[in-house]
Amino acid sequence: MKASFSKELHSARGWILGFVALVLLLGLSNKALAGERLVVIDGSLTEIVYALGSGAEVVGRDLTSNYPPEVNRLPSVGYMRQLSAEGILSLNPSLVLVTDDAEPQKVLKQLEDSGIRLVTIDNRFTLDGVKHKILQVGKALGKEPEARSLAAQMLKQVEQAQADLQSISPKHKARALFTMGIRNGNLMVAGRDTRADEMLRLAGVDNIPAKMIKGYKPLTAESAILFNPQYLITMQHGLKASGGREAMLSGNAVKLTDAGKHRQLVVMDNSFLTFGPRIGEAVQSLVDTIYRANKSKVAMAP
C-alpha cells in the first residue's frame, strides 16, 4: 500500500510539473509576442505599429518615423537607406521591422546573423500596397484581426474621400503640378511612377507632367508655362526649402500660369507621401482643398 501511495504521489508530482512547464511555456510565448522590443524602419510601418496598439513596444525608429508625435522621443537609428548595425543592436531589439527600401543589405544581413528577428515588408505605393503592408505588419506582431480591421478602415476612408469625385467629369479635373521644391530656378516635379502621381490620381487631380515625364525631373520655365497648371501642390518641407509661399508663386515660370495668377498653391503635410494607414486622411485633405472649397474654380459636370 505504501508503494502504491508513493507511485501515485510520483505520478501526481509529474503531472503537476508538466502542467507548470506548460503554463510557463505558454506564458513565455505570450510574453515574447506581447513584449517585443521593436525597432521600426520606415515611417509608414511605424504608423501601422502604433495604429495596431503596439507603440509601447517600440524602442527605436528611423528618421522617416515622426508620427505619432511621441515616437520622436525615441532614439533614432538614422536614415532608412543609410543604416548601421551598431545603432540598432545597441537598443537590444527582439524584432526589427523594415520595408524593402531599407539599405544597405549588408547591415540587414548582419542583424539577421546576430539572431535578431528581421521582418521585411513589401513597400508598394498603391492602395493595395498599403493594405498589404498593414496585413504583413499585423502578422509579424501577432495582431492579424486588428490588421484586417485597420486595413478595412483605411480603404473605407479613401472611398469616402472620393465620394465627391463622382460628380466630376474627367475633362473637368483640376490640372496640377506636384513639386518637391525649386532647385536652381527650376521646379522639381513629379511625373508618372511616383508616389505623388498616385496620390493625385486618388484625389481626382490631373498630374499634367505624368503624360511626358517619368519619376522626378526638373521642369524648365517654358514647360511649366506650357503645362499651365491650375494648382501648384507641394509639402511643408518643399515650401520651406523654396523660400516660402511668395517665392514659389512669384517665380518666373509659376507667375505666368493659372496657379500663379490665382495664387493657388496647395501645401500638404509632410506625411502626404507616407502611404501608411492615414492615406485616407491625406486624400480627403487634397479633395477638400481643391474640390470642396473651390467649386467655383473647378467646373463640375452637370
C-alpha atoms as a PDB file:
ATOM      1  CA  MET A   1       0.000   0.000   0.000  1.00  0.00           C
ATOM      2  CA  LYS A   2       2.889   2.299   0.817  1.00  0.00           C
ATOM      3  CA  ALA A   3       4.438   1.532  -2.561  1.00  0.00           C
ATOM      4  CA  SER A   4       1.127   2.264  -4.268  1.00  0.00           C
ATOM      5  CA  PHE A   5       0.808   5.622  -2.474  1.00  0.00           C
ATOM      6  CA  SER A   6       4.393   6.511  -3.402  1.00  0.00           C
ATOM      7  CA  LYS A   7       3.699   5.629  -7.016  1.00  0.00           C
ATOM      8  CA  GLU A   8       0.551   7.817  -7.076  1.00  0.00           C
ATOM      9  CA  LEU A   9       2.429  10.693  -5.436  1.00  0.00           C
ATOM     10  CA  HIS A  10       5.193  10.411  -8.018  1.00  0.00           C
ATOM     11  CA  SER A  11       2.615  10.373 -10.816  1.00  0.00           C
ATOM     12  CA  ALA A  12       0.802  13.392  -9.391  1.00  0.00           C
ATOM     13  CA  ARG A  13       4.093  15.252  -8.979  1.00  0.00           C
ATOM     14  CA  GLY A  14       4.969  14.501 -12.592  1.00  0.00           C
ATOM     15  CA  TRP A  15       1.588  15.759 -13.776  1.00  0.00           C
ATOM     16  CA  ILE A  16       1.935  18.966 -11.735  1.00  0.00           C
ATOM     17  CA  LEU A  17       5.447  19.587 -13.027  1.00  0.00           C
ATOM     18  CA  GLY A  18       4.252  19.009 -16.567  1.00  0.00           C
ATOM     19  CA  PHE A  19       1.344  21.383 -16.083  1.00  0.00           C
ATOM     20  CA  VAL A  20       3.606  24.071 -14.605  1.00  0.00           C
ATOM     21  CA  ALA A  21       6.025  23.660 -17.507  1.00  0.00           C
ATOM     22  CA  LEU A  22       3.186  24.047 -19.996  1.00  0.00           C
ATOM     23  CA  VAL A  23       1.912  27.195 -18.243  1.00  0.00           C
ATOM     24  CA  LEU A  24       5.414  28.659 -18.205  1.00  0.00           C
ATOM     25  CA  LEU A  25       5.892  27.811 -21.875  1.00  0.00           C
ATOM     26  CA  LEU A  26       2.619  29.440 -22.859  1.00  0.00           C
ATOM     27  CA  GLY A  27       3.355  32.425 -20.639  1.00  0.00           C
ATOM     28  CA  LEU A  28       6.785  32.921 -22.141  1.00  0.00           C
ATOM     29  CA  SER A  29       5.361  32.527 -25.627  1.00  0.00           C
ATOM     30  CA  ASN A  30       2.718  35.184 -24.978  1.00  0.00           C
ATOM     31  CA  LYS A  31       5.281  37.443 -23.348  1.00  0.00           C
ATOM     32  CA  ALA A  32       7.548  37.127 -26.369  1.00  0.00           C
ATOM     33  CA  LEU A  33       4.659  38.072 -28.628  1.00  0.00           C
ATOM     34  CA  ALA A  34       3.250  40.885 -26.493  1.00  0.00           C
ATOM     35  CA  GLY A  35       6.519  42.150 -25.049  1.00  0.00           C
ATOM     36  CA  GLU A  36       8.699  42.636 -28.095  1.00  0.00           C
ATOM     37  CA  ARG A  37      11.405  45.266 -28.243  1.00  0.00           C
ATOM     38  CA  LEU A  38      10.701  46.768 -31.644  1.00  0.00           C
ATOM     39  CA  VAL A  39      12.900  48.862 -33.887  1.00  0.00           C
ATOM     40  CA  VAL A  40      10.866  50.137 -36.826  1.00  0.00           C
ATOM     41  CA  ILE A  41      12.468  51.363 -40.055  1.00  0.00           C
ATOM     42  CA  ASP A  42      10.098  53.390 -42.293  1.00  0.00           C
ATOM     43  CA  GLY A  43       7.537  55.981 -41.255  1.00  0.00           C
ATOM     44  CA  SER A  44       4.612  54.062 -42.737  1.00  0.00           C
ATOM     45  CA  LEU A  45       5.460  50.951 -40.716  1.00  0.00           C
ATOM     46  CA  THR A  46       5.794  52.988 -37.531  1.00  0.00           C
ATOM     47  CA  GLU A  47       2.328  54.454 -38.063  1.00  0.00           C
ATOM     48  CA  ILE A  48       0.920  50.977 -38.612  1.00  0.00           C
ATOM     49  CA  VAL A  49       2.579  49.594 -35.460  1.00  0.00           C
ATOM     50  CA  TYR A  50       1.072  52.377 -33.356  1.00  0.00           C
ATOM     51  CA  ALA A  51      -2.327  52.065 -35.045  1.00  0.00           C
ATOM     52  CA  LEU A  52      -2.330  48.376 -34.145  1.00  0.00           C
ATOM     53  CA  GLY A  53      -1.711  49.214 -30.480  1.00  0.00           C
ATOM     54  CA  SER A  54       1.927  48.105 -30.246  1.00  0.00           C
ATOM     55  CA  GLY A  55       3.502  51.532 -29.828  1.00  0.00           C
ATOM     56  CA  ALA A  56       4.587  50.800 -26.258  1.00  0.00           C
ATOM     57  CA  GLU A  57       6.901  48.073 -27.565  1.00  0.00           C
ATOM     58  CA  VAL A  58       8.825  50.392 -29.934  1.00  0.00           C
ATOM     59  CA  VAL A  59      12.308  51.189 -28.594  1.00  0.00           C
ATOM     60  CA  GLY A  60      13.822  52.750 -31.712  1.00  0.00           C
ATOM     61  CA  ARG A  61      12.905  54.262 -35.065  1.00  0.00           C
ATOM     62  CA  ASP A  62      14.460  55.755 -38.191  1.00  0.00           C
ATOM     63  CA  LEU A  63      14.458  59.393 -39.297  1.00  0.00           C
ATOM     64  CA  THR A  64      11.397  58.956 -41.522  1.00  0.00           C
ATOM     65  CA  SER A  65       9.339  57.903 -38.490  1.00  0.00           C
ATOM     66  CA  ASN A  66       7.869  61.003 -36.866  1.00  0.00           C
ATOM     67  CA  TYR A  67       4.210  60.117 -36.337  1.00  0.00           C
ATOM     68  CA  PRO A  68       2.572  59.828 -33.897  1.00  0.00           C
ATOM     69  CA  PRO A  69       4.398  62.710 -32.150  1.00  0.00           C
ATOM     70  CA  GLU A  70       5.511  60.608 -29.171  1.00  0.00           C
ATOM     71  CA  VAL A  71       7.702  58.488 -31.420  1.00  0.00           C
ATOM     72  CA  ASN A  72      10.064  61.449 -31.718  1.00  0.00           C
ATOM     73  CA  ARG A  73      11.125  60.901 -28.114  1.00  0.00           C
ATOM     74  CA  LEU A  74      12.633  57.540 -29.032  1.00  0.00           C
ATOM     75  CA  PRO A  75      16.243  57.001 -30.142  1.00  0.00           C
ATOM     76  CA  SER A  76      16.844  57.301 -33.892  1.00  0.00           C
ATOM     77  CA  VAL A  77      18.955  54.750 -35.731  1.00  0.00           C
ATOM     78  CA  GLY A  78      19.468  57.065 -38.717  1.00  0.00           C
ATOM     79  CA  TYR A  79      18.074  57.273 -42.216  1.00  0.00           C
ATOM     80  CA  MET A  80      16.444  54.130 -43.600  1.00  0.00           C
ATOM     81  CA  ARG A  81      18.792  53.955 -46.596  1.00  0.00           C
ATOM     82  CA  GLN A  82      21.934  54.509 -44.536  1.00  0.00           C
ATOM     83  CA  LEU A  83      21.503  52.151 -41.599  1.00  0.00           C
ATOM     84  CA  SER A  84      24.263  50.971 -39.301  1.00  0.00           C
ATOM     85  CA  ALA A  85      24.091  47.723 -37.365  1.00  0.00           C
ATOM     86  CA  GLU A  86      25.713  49.200 -34.264  1.00  0.00           C
ATOM     87  CA  GLY A  87      22.971  51.748 -33.633  1.00  0.00           C
ATOM     88  CA  ILE A  88      20.231  49.146 -33.988  1.00  0.00           C
ATOM     89  CA  LEU A  89      21.998  46.468 -31.930  1.00  0.00           C
ATOM     90  CA  SER A  90      22.627  48.936 -29.112  1.00  0.00           C
ATOM     91  CA  LEU A  91      18.860  49.029 -28.497  1.00  0.00           C
ATOM     92  CA  ASN A  92      18.774  45.257 -27.937  1.00  0.00           C
ATOM     93  CA  PRO A  93      15.718  44.674 -30.143  1.00  0.00           C
ATOM     94  CA  SER A  94      13.925  41.350 -30.385  1.00  0.00           C
ATOM     95  CA  LEU A  95      12.242  42.344 -33.655  1.00  0.00           C
ATOM     96  CA  VAL A  96      13.239  44.770 -36.401  1.00  0.00           C
ATOM     97  CA  LEU A  97      10.636  45.768 -38.991  1.00  0.00           C
ATOM     98  CA  VAL A  98      11.886  47.214 -42.283  1.00  0.00           C
ATOM     99  CA  THR A  99      10.475  47.835 -45.740  1.00  0.00           C
ATOM    100  CA  ASP A 100      12.245  46.514 -48.815  1.00  0.00           C
ATOM    101  CA  ASP A 101      13.595  50.049 -49.329  1.00  0.00           C
ATOM    102  CA  ALA A 102      15.927  49.730 -46.322  1.00  0.00           C
ATOM    103  CA  GLU A 103      19.664  49.741 -47.016  1.00  0.00           C
ATOM    104  CA  PRO A 104      22.412  48.685 -47.017  1.00  0.00           C
ATOM    105  CA  GLN A 105      21.744  44.973 -47.371  1.00  0.00           C
ATOM    106  CA  LYS A 106      24.945  44.031 -45.549  1.00  0.00           C
ATOM    107  CA  VAL A 107      23.612  45.714 -42.406  1.00  0.00           C
ATOM    108  CA  LEU A 108      20.341  43.784 -42.634  1.00  0.00           C
ATOM    109  CA  LYS A 109      22.282  40.538 -43.027  1.00  0.00           C
ATOM    110  CA  GLN A 110      24.408  41.447 -40.026  1.00  0.00           C
ATOM    111  CA  LEU A 111      21.260  41.894 -37.956  1.00  0.00           C
ATOM    112  CA  GLU A 112      19.929  38.515 -39.024  1.00  0.00           C
ATOM    113  CA  ASP A 113      23.273  36.864 -38.325  1.00  0.00           C
ATOM    114  CA  SER A 114      23.187  38.284 -34.798  1.00  0.00           C
ATOM    115  CA  GLY A 115      19.989  36.313 -34.126  1.00  0.00           C
ATOM    116  CA  ILE A 116      17.557  39.212 -34.252  1.00  0.00           C
ATOM    117  CA  ARG A 117      14.237  38.534 -35.926  1.00  0.00           C
ATOM    118  CA  LEU A 118      14.140  40.728 -39.022  1.00  0.00           C
ATOM    119  CA  VAL A 119      10.898  41.074 -40.984  1.00  0.00           C
ATOM    120  CA  THR A 120      10.960  42.795 -44.373  1.00  0.00           C
ATOM    121  CA  ILE A 121       7.671  44.328 -45.517  1.00  0.00           C
ATOM    122  CA  ASP A 122       6.782  44.965 -49.174  1.00  0.00           C
ATOM    123  CA  ASN A 123       6.503  48.684 -49.970  1.00  0.00           C
ATOM    124  CA  ARG A 124       4.235  49.261 -52.954  1.00  0.00           C
ATOM    125  CA  PHE A 125       2.828  52.753 -53.347  1.00  0.00           C
ATOM    126  CA  THR A 126      -0.778  51.891 -54.133  1.00  0.00           C
ATOM    127  CA  LEU A 127      -3.905  51.378 -52.034  1.00  0.00           C
ATOM    128  CA  ASP A 128      -3.485  47.633 -52.348  1.00  0.00           C
ATOM    129  CA  GLY A 129       0.141  48.064 -51.349  1.00  0.00           C
ATOM    130  CA  VAL A 130      -0.854  49.896 -48.155  1.00  0.00           C
ATOM    131  CA  LYS A 131      -3.399  47.199 -47.341  1.00  0.00           C
ATOM    132  CA  HIS A 132      -0.762  44.503 -47.881  1.00  0.00           C
ATOM    133  CA  LYS A 133       1.673  46.412 -45.645  1.00  0.00           C
ATOM    134  CA  ILE A 134      -0.839  46.603 -42.824  1.00  0.00           C
ATOM    135  CA  LEU A 135      -1.612  42.883 -43.041  1.00  0.00           C
ATOM    136  CA  GLN A 136       2.085  41.949 -43.109  1.00  0.00           C
ATOM    137  CA  VAL A 137       2.835  44.047 -40.033  1.00  0.00           C
ATOM    138  CA  GLY A 138      -0.183  42.561 -38.281  1.00  0.00           C
ATOM    139  CA  LYS A 139       1.125  39.069 -38.985  1.00  0.00           C
ATOM    140  CA  ALA A 140       4.603  39.945 -37.687  1.00  0.00           C
ATOM    141  CA  LEU A 141       3.109  41.300 -34.450  1.00  0.00           C
ATOM    142  CA  GLY A 142       0.554  38.551 -33.965  1.00  0.00           C
ATOM    143  CA  LYS A 143      -2.272  41.053 -34.488  1.00  0.00           C
ATOM    144  CA  GLU A 144      -3.884  39.799 -37.648  1.00  0.00           C
ATOM    145  CA  PRO A 145      -7.532  40.525 -36.671  1.00  0.00           C
ATOM    146  CA  GLU A 146      -6.601  44.099 -35.729  1.00  0.00           C
ATOM    147  CA  ALA A 147      -4.698  44.470 -39.001  1.00  0.00           C
ATOM    148  CA  ARG A 148      -7.676  43.326 -41.073  1.00  0.00           C
ATOM    149  CA  SER A 149      -9.863  45.851 -39.264  1.00  0.00           C
ATOM    150  CA  LEU A 150      -7.339  48.660 -39.793  1.00  0.00           C
ATOM    151  CA  ALA A 151      -6.982  47.836 -43.499  1.00  0.00           C
ATOM    152  CA  ALA A 152     -10.749  47.873 -43.959  1.00  0.00           C
ATOM    153  CA  GLN A 153     -10.985  51.217 -42.145  1.00  0.00           C
ATOM    154  CA  MET A 154      -8.238  52.685 -44.354  1.00  0.00           C
ATOM    155  CA  LEU A 155      -9.978  51.607 -47.561  1.00  0.00           C
ATOM    156  CA  LYS A 156     -13.310  52.978 -46.325  1.00  0.00           C
ATOM    157  CA  GLN A 157     -11.714  56.371 -45.589  1.00  0.00           C
ATOM    158  CA  VAL A 158     -10.344  56.566 -49.127  1.00  0.00           C
ATOM    159  CA  GLU A 159     -13.725  55.617 -50.589  1.00  0.00           C
ATOM    160  CA  GLN A 160     -15.409  58.325 -48.510  1.00  0.00           C
ATOM    161  CA  ALA A 161     -12.819  60.874 -49.628  1.00  0.00           C
ATOM    162  CA  GLN A 162     -13.508  60.021 -53.254  1.00  0.00           C
ATOM    163  CA  ALA A 163     -17.287  60.273 -52.941  1.00  0.00           C
ATOM    164  CA  ASP A 164     -17.292  63.904 -54.127  1.00  0.00           C
ATOM    165  CA  LEU A 165     -15.340  62.947 -57.231  1.00  0.00           C
ATOM    166  CA  GLN A 166     -18.287  61.055 -58.724  1.00  0.00           C
ATOM    167  CA  SER A 167     -19.762  64.336 -59.937  1.00  0.00           C
ATOM    168  CA  ILE A 168     -16.587  65.480 -61.657  1.00  0.00           C
ATOM    169  CA  SER A 169     -16.201  64.866 -65.367  1.00  0.00           C
ATOM    170  CA  PRO A 170     -12.713  63.699 -66.463  1.00  0.00           C
ATOM    171  CA  LYS A 171     -12.412  66.770 -68.694  1.00  0.00           C
ATOM    172  CA  HIS A 172     -13.095  68.981 -65.662  1.00  0.00           C
ATOM    173  CA  LYS A 173     -10.413  67.537 -63.399  1.00  0.00           C
ATOM    174  CA  ALA A 174      -8.188  70.099 -61.745  1.00  0.00           C
ATOM    175  CA  ARG A 175      -4.831  70.410 -63.511  1.00  0.00           C
ATOM    176  CA  ALA A 176      -1.829  70.449 -61.217  1.00  0.00           C
ATOM    177  CA  LEU A 177       1.902  70.185 -60.833  1.00  0.00           C
ATOM    178  CA  PHE A 178       3.318  68.492 -57.760  1.00  0.00           C
ATOM    179  CA  THR A 179       6.712  69.868 -56.849  1.00  0.00           C
ATOM    180  CA  MET A 180       9.274  68.895 -54.244  1.00  0.00           C
ATOM    181  CA  GLY A 181      10.538  72.475 -54.425  1.00  0.00           C
ATOM    182  CA  ILE A 182      12.574  74.883 -56.520  1.00  0.00           C
ATOM    183  CA  ARG A 183      16.153  73.942 -57.405  1.00  0.00           C
ATOM    184  CA  ASN A 184      18.405  76.228 -59.394  1.00  0.00           C
ATOM    185  CA  GLY A 185      15.377  78.190 -60.510  1.00  0.00           C
ATOM    186  CA  ASN A 186      13.532  75.119 -61.821  1.00  0.00           C
ATOM    187  CA  LEU A 187      10.629  73.228 -60.298  1.00  0.00           C
ATOM    188  CA  MET A 188      11.407  69.623 -59.347  1.00  0.00           C
ATOM    189  CA  VAL A 189       8.131  67.991 -60.400  1.00  0.00           C
ATOM    190  CA  ALA A 190       6.633  64.528 -60.122  1.00  0.00           C
ATOM    191  CA  GLY A 191       5.880  62.545 -63.248  1.00  0.00           C
ATOM    192  CA  ARG A 192       4.395  59.070 -63.580  1.00  0.00           C
ATOM    193  CA  ASP A 193       5.523  56.130 -61.405  1.00  0.00           C
ATOM    194  CA  THR A 194       5.890  58.370 -58.358  1.00  0.00           C
ATOM    195  CA  ARG A 195       4.107  58.450 -55.018  1.00  0.00           C
ATOM    196  CA  ALA A 196       2.877  61.957 -55.784  1.00  0.00           C
ATOM    197  CA  ASP A 197       1.341  60.886 -59.094  1.00  0.00           C
ATOM    198  CA  GLU A 198      -0.573  58.098 -57.352  1.00  0.00           C
ATOM    199  CA  MET A 199      -1.819  60.432 -54.608  1.00  0.00           C
ATOM    200  CA  LEU A 200      -3.048  62.990 -57.130  1.00  0.00           C
ATOM    201  CA  ARG A 201      -4.783  60.221 -59.077  1.00  0.00           C
ATOM    202  CA  LEU A 202      -6.548  59.026 -55.905  1.00  0.00           C
ATOM    203  CA  ALA A 203      -7.719  62.587 -55.270  1.00  0.00           C
ATOM    204  CA  GLY A 204      -9.054  63.018 -58.811  1.00  0.00           C
ATOM    205  CA  VAL A 205      -6.391  65.566 -59.806  1.00  0.00           C
ATOM    206  CA  ASP A 206      -4.759  65.559 -63.250  1.00  0.00           C
ATOM    207  CA  ASN A 207      -0.988  65.406 -62.767  1.00  0.00           C
ATOM    208  CA  ILE A 208      -0.069  67.084 -66.067  1.00  0.00           C
ATOM    209  CA  PRO A 209       3.639  66.080 -66.303  1.00  0.00           C
ATOM    210  CA  ALA A 210       2.769  62.380 -65.930  1.00  0.00           C
ATOM    211  CA  LYS A 211       1.982  62.243 -69.649  1.00  0.00           C
ATOM    212  CA  MET A 212       5.557  63.173 -70.548  1.00  0.00           C
ATOM    213  CA  ILE A 213       7.812  62.637 -67.516  1.00  0.00           C
ATOM    214  CA  LYS A 214       8.749  59.567 -65.503  1.00  0.00           C
ATOM    215  CA  GLY A 215       9.988  59.995 -61.942  1.00  0.00           C
ATOM    216  CA  TYR A 216      11.050  63.352 -60.531  1.00  0.00           C
ATOM    217  CA  LYS A 217      12.564  65.777 -63.021  1.00  0.00           C
ATOM    218  CA  PRO A 218      13.442  69.492 -63.092  1.00  0.00           C
ATOM    219  CA  LEU A 219      10.938  71.442 -65.163  1.00  0.00           C
ATOM    220  CA  THR A 220      12.039  74.393 -67.244  1.00  0.00           C
ATOM    221  CA  ALA A 221      10.115  77.666 -67.140  1.00  0.00           C
ATOM    222  CA  GLU A 222       8.935  77.100 -70.716  1.00  0.00           C
ATOM    223  CA  SER A 223       7.499  73.674 -69.862  1.00  0.00           C
ATOM    224  CA  ALA A 224       5.767  74.970 -66.743  1.00  0.00           C
ATOM    225  CA  ILE A 225       4.081  77.711 -68.768  1.00  0.00           C
ATOM    226  CA  LEU A 226       3.095  75.179 -71.450  1.00  0.00           C
ATOM    227  CA  PHE A 227       1.556  72.832 -68.869  1.00  0.00           C
ATOM    228  CA  ASN A 228      -0.276  75.824 -67.309  1.00  0.00           C
ATOM    229  CA  PRO A 229      -1.465  74.139 -64.069  1.00  0.00           C
ATOM    230  CA  GLN A 230      -4.424  75.490 -62.128  1.00  0.00           C
ATOM    231  CA  TYR A 231      -2.751  74.373 -58.903  1.00  0.00           C
ATOM    232  CA  LEU A 232       0.789  74.031 -57.659  1.00  0.00           C
ATOM    233  CA  ILE A 233       0.992  71.347 -54.968  1.00  0.00           C
ATOM    234  CA  THR A 234       3.898  70.869 -52.582  1.00  0.00           C
ATOM    235  CA  MET A 235       4.605  69.782 -48.994  1.00  0.00           C
ATOM    236  CA  GLN A 236       5.684  71.786 -45.967  1.00  0.00           C
ATOM    237  CA  HIS A 237       9.383  70.988 -46.294  1.00  0.00           C
ATOM    238  CA  GLY A 238       9.268  71.775 -50.035  1.00  0.00           C
ATOM    239  CA  LEU A 239       7.738  75.165 -49.285  1.00  0.00           C
ATOM    240  CA  LYS A 240      10.369  75.918 -46.660  1.00  0.00           C
ATOM    241  CA  ALA A 241      13.266  74.829 -48.885  1.00  0.00           C
ATOM    242  CA  SER A 242      11.949  77.043 -51.694  1.00  0.00           C
ATOM    243  CA  GLY A 243      11.850  80.173 -49.565  1.00  0.00           C
ATOM    244  CA  GLY A 244       8.156  80.271 -48.715  1.00  0.00           C
ATOM    245  CA  ARG A 245       4.822  80.817 -50.441  1.00  0.00           C
ATOM    246  CA  GLU A 246       5.681  84.127 -52.097  1.00  0.00           C
ATOM    247  CA  ALA A 247       8.920  82.773 -53.552  1.00  0.00           C
ATOM    248  CA  MET A 248       7.124  79.790 -55.098  1.00  0.00           C
ATOM    249  CA  LEU A 249       4.254  81.776 -56.573  1.00  0.00           C
ATOM    250  CA  SER A 250       6.334  84.629 -57.932  1.00  0.00           C
ATOM    251  CA  GLY A 251       8.916  82.529 -59.768  1.00  0.00           C
ATOM    252  CA  ASN A 252       9.432  83.376 -63.441  1.00  0.00           C
ATOM    253  CA  ALA A 253       7.547  80.280 -64.575  1.00  0.00           C
ATOM    254  CA  VAL A 254       4.803  79.904 -61.976  1.00  0.00           C
ATOM    255  CA  LYS A 255       3.626  83.523 -62.042  1.00  0.00           C
ATOM    256  CA  LEU A 256       2.631  83.127 -65.704  1.00  0.00           C
ATOM    257  CA  THR A 257       0.473  80.051 -65.076  1.00  0.00           C
ATOM    258  CA  ASP A 258      -3.113  79.932 -63.826  1.00  0.00           C
ATOM    259  CA  ALA A 259      -1.782  78.659 -60.496  1.00  0.00           C
ATOM    260  CA  GLY A 260       0.443  81.718 -60.154  1.00  0.00           C
ATOM    261  CA  LYS A 261      -2.112  84.225 -61.404  1.00  0.00           C
ATOM    262  CA  HIS A 262      -4.777  82.982 -58.992  1.00  0.00           C
ATOM    263  CA  ARG A 263      -2.225  82.215 -56.241  1.00  0.00           C
ATOM    264  CA  GLN A 264      -3.403  78.645 -55.949  1.00  0.00           C
ATOM    265  CA  LEU A 265      -0.629  76.925 -54.019  1.00  0.00           C
ATOM    266  CA  VAL A 266      -1.674  73.871 -52.016  1.00  0.00           C
ATOM    267  CA  VAL A 267       0.688  72.922 -49.182  1.00  0.00           C
ATOM    268  CA  MET A 268       0.241  69.388 -47.893  1.00  0.00           C
ATOM    269  CA  ASP A 269       1.513  67.910 -44.647  1.00  0.00           C
ATOM    270  CA  ASN A 270       4.952  66.286 -44.787  1.00  0.00           C
ATOM    271  CA  SER A 271       3.289  62.894 -44.316  1.00  0.00           C
ATOM    272  CA  PHE A 272       1.374  63.276 -47.593  1.00  0.00           C
ATOM    273  CA  LEU A 273       3.503  60.681 -49.404  1.00  0.00           C
ATOM    274  CA  THR A 274       3.925  58.244 -46.496  1.00  0.00           C
ATOM    275  CA  PHE A 275       1.455  55.630 -47.815  1.00  0.00           C
ATOM    276  CA  GLY A 276       0.512  54.443 -44.358  1.00  0.00           C
ATOM    277  CA  PRO A 277      -2.807  53.961 -42.546  1.00  0.00           C
ATOM    278  CA  ARG A 278      -3.620  57.709 -42.740  1.00  0.00           C
ATOM    279  CA  ILE A 279      -3.662  57.729 -46.550  1.00  0.00           C
ATOM    280  CA  GLY A 280      -7.430  58.273 -46.498  1.00  0.00           C
ATOM    281  CA  GLU A 281      -6.967  61.457 -44.462  1.00  0.00           C
ATOM    282  CA  ALA A 282      -4.352  62.699 -46.946  1.00  0.00           C
ATOM    283  CA  VAL A 283      -6.609  62.059 -49.946  1.00  0.00           C
ATOM    284  CA  GLN A 284      -9.541  63.695 -48.140  1.00  0.00           C
ATOM    285  CA  SER A 285      -7.445  66.781 -47.376  1.00  0.00           C
ATOM    286  CA  LEU A 286      -6.488  67.258 -51.025  1.00  0.00           C
ATOM    287  CA  VAL A 287     -10.015  66.627 -52.281  1.00  0.00           C
ATOM    288  CA  ASP A 288     -11.414  69.126 -49.774  1.00  0.00           C
ATOM    289  CA  THR A 289      -8.843  71.783 -50.629  1.00  0.00           C
ATOM    290  CA  ILE A 290      -9.258  71.605 -54.391  1.00  0.00           C
ATOM    291  CA  TYR A 291     -12.837  70.488 -54.987  1.00  0.00           C
ATOM    292  CA  ARG A 292     -14.987  71.230 -51.942  1.00  0.00           C
ATOM    293  CA  ALA A 293     -13.507  74.627 -51.095  1.00  0.00           C
ATOM    294  CA  ASN A 294     -13.117  75.742 -54.709  1.00  0.00           C
ATOM    295  CA  LYS A 295     -16.173  74.509 -56.577  1.00  0.00           C
ATOM    296  CA  SER A 296     -16.442  77.837 -58.360  1.00  0.00           C
ATOM    297  CA  LYS A 297     -12.896  77.492 -59.691  1.00  0.00           C
ATOM    298  CA  VAL A 298     -13.072  73.859 -60.779  1.00  0.00           C
ATOM    299  CA  ALA A 299     -16.042  73.161 -63.026  1.00  0.00           C
ATOM    300  CA  MET A 300     -18.310  70.311 -62.024  1.00  0.00           C
ATOM    301  CA  ALA A 301     -20.056  68.074 -64.536  1.00  0.00           C
ATOM    302  CA  PRO A 302     -23.827  68.682 -64.878  1.00  0.00           C
END
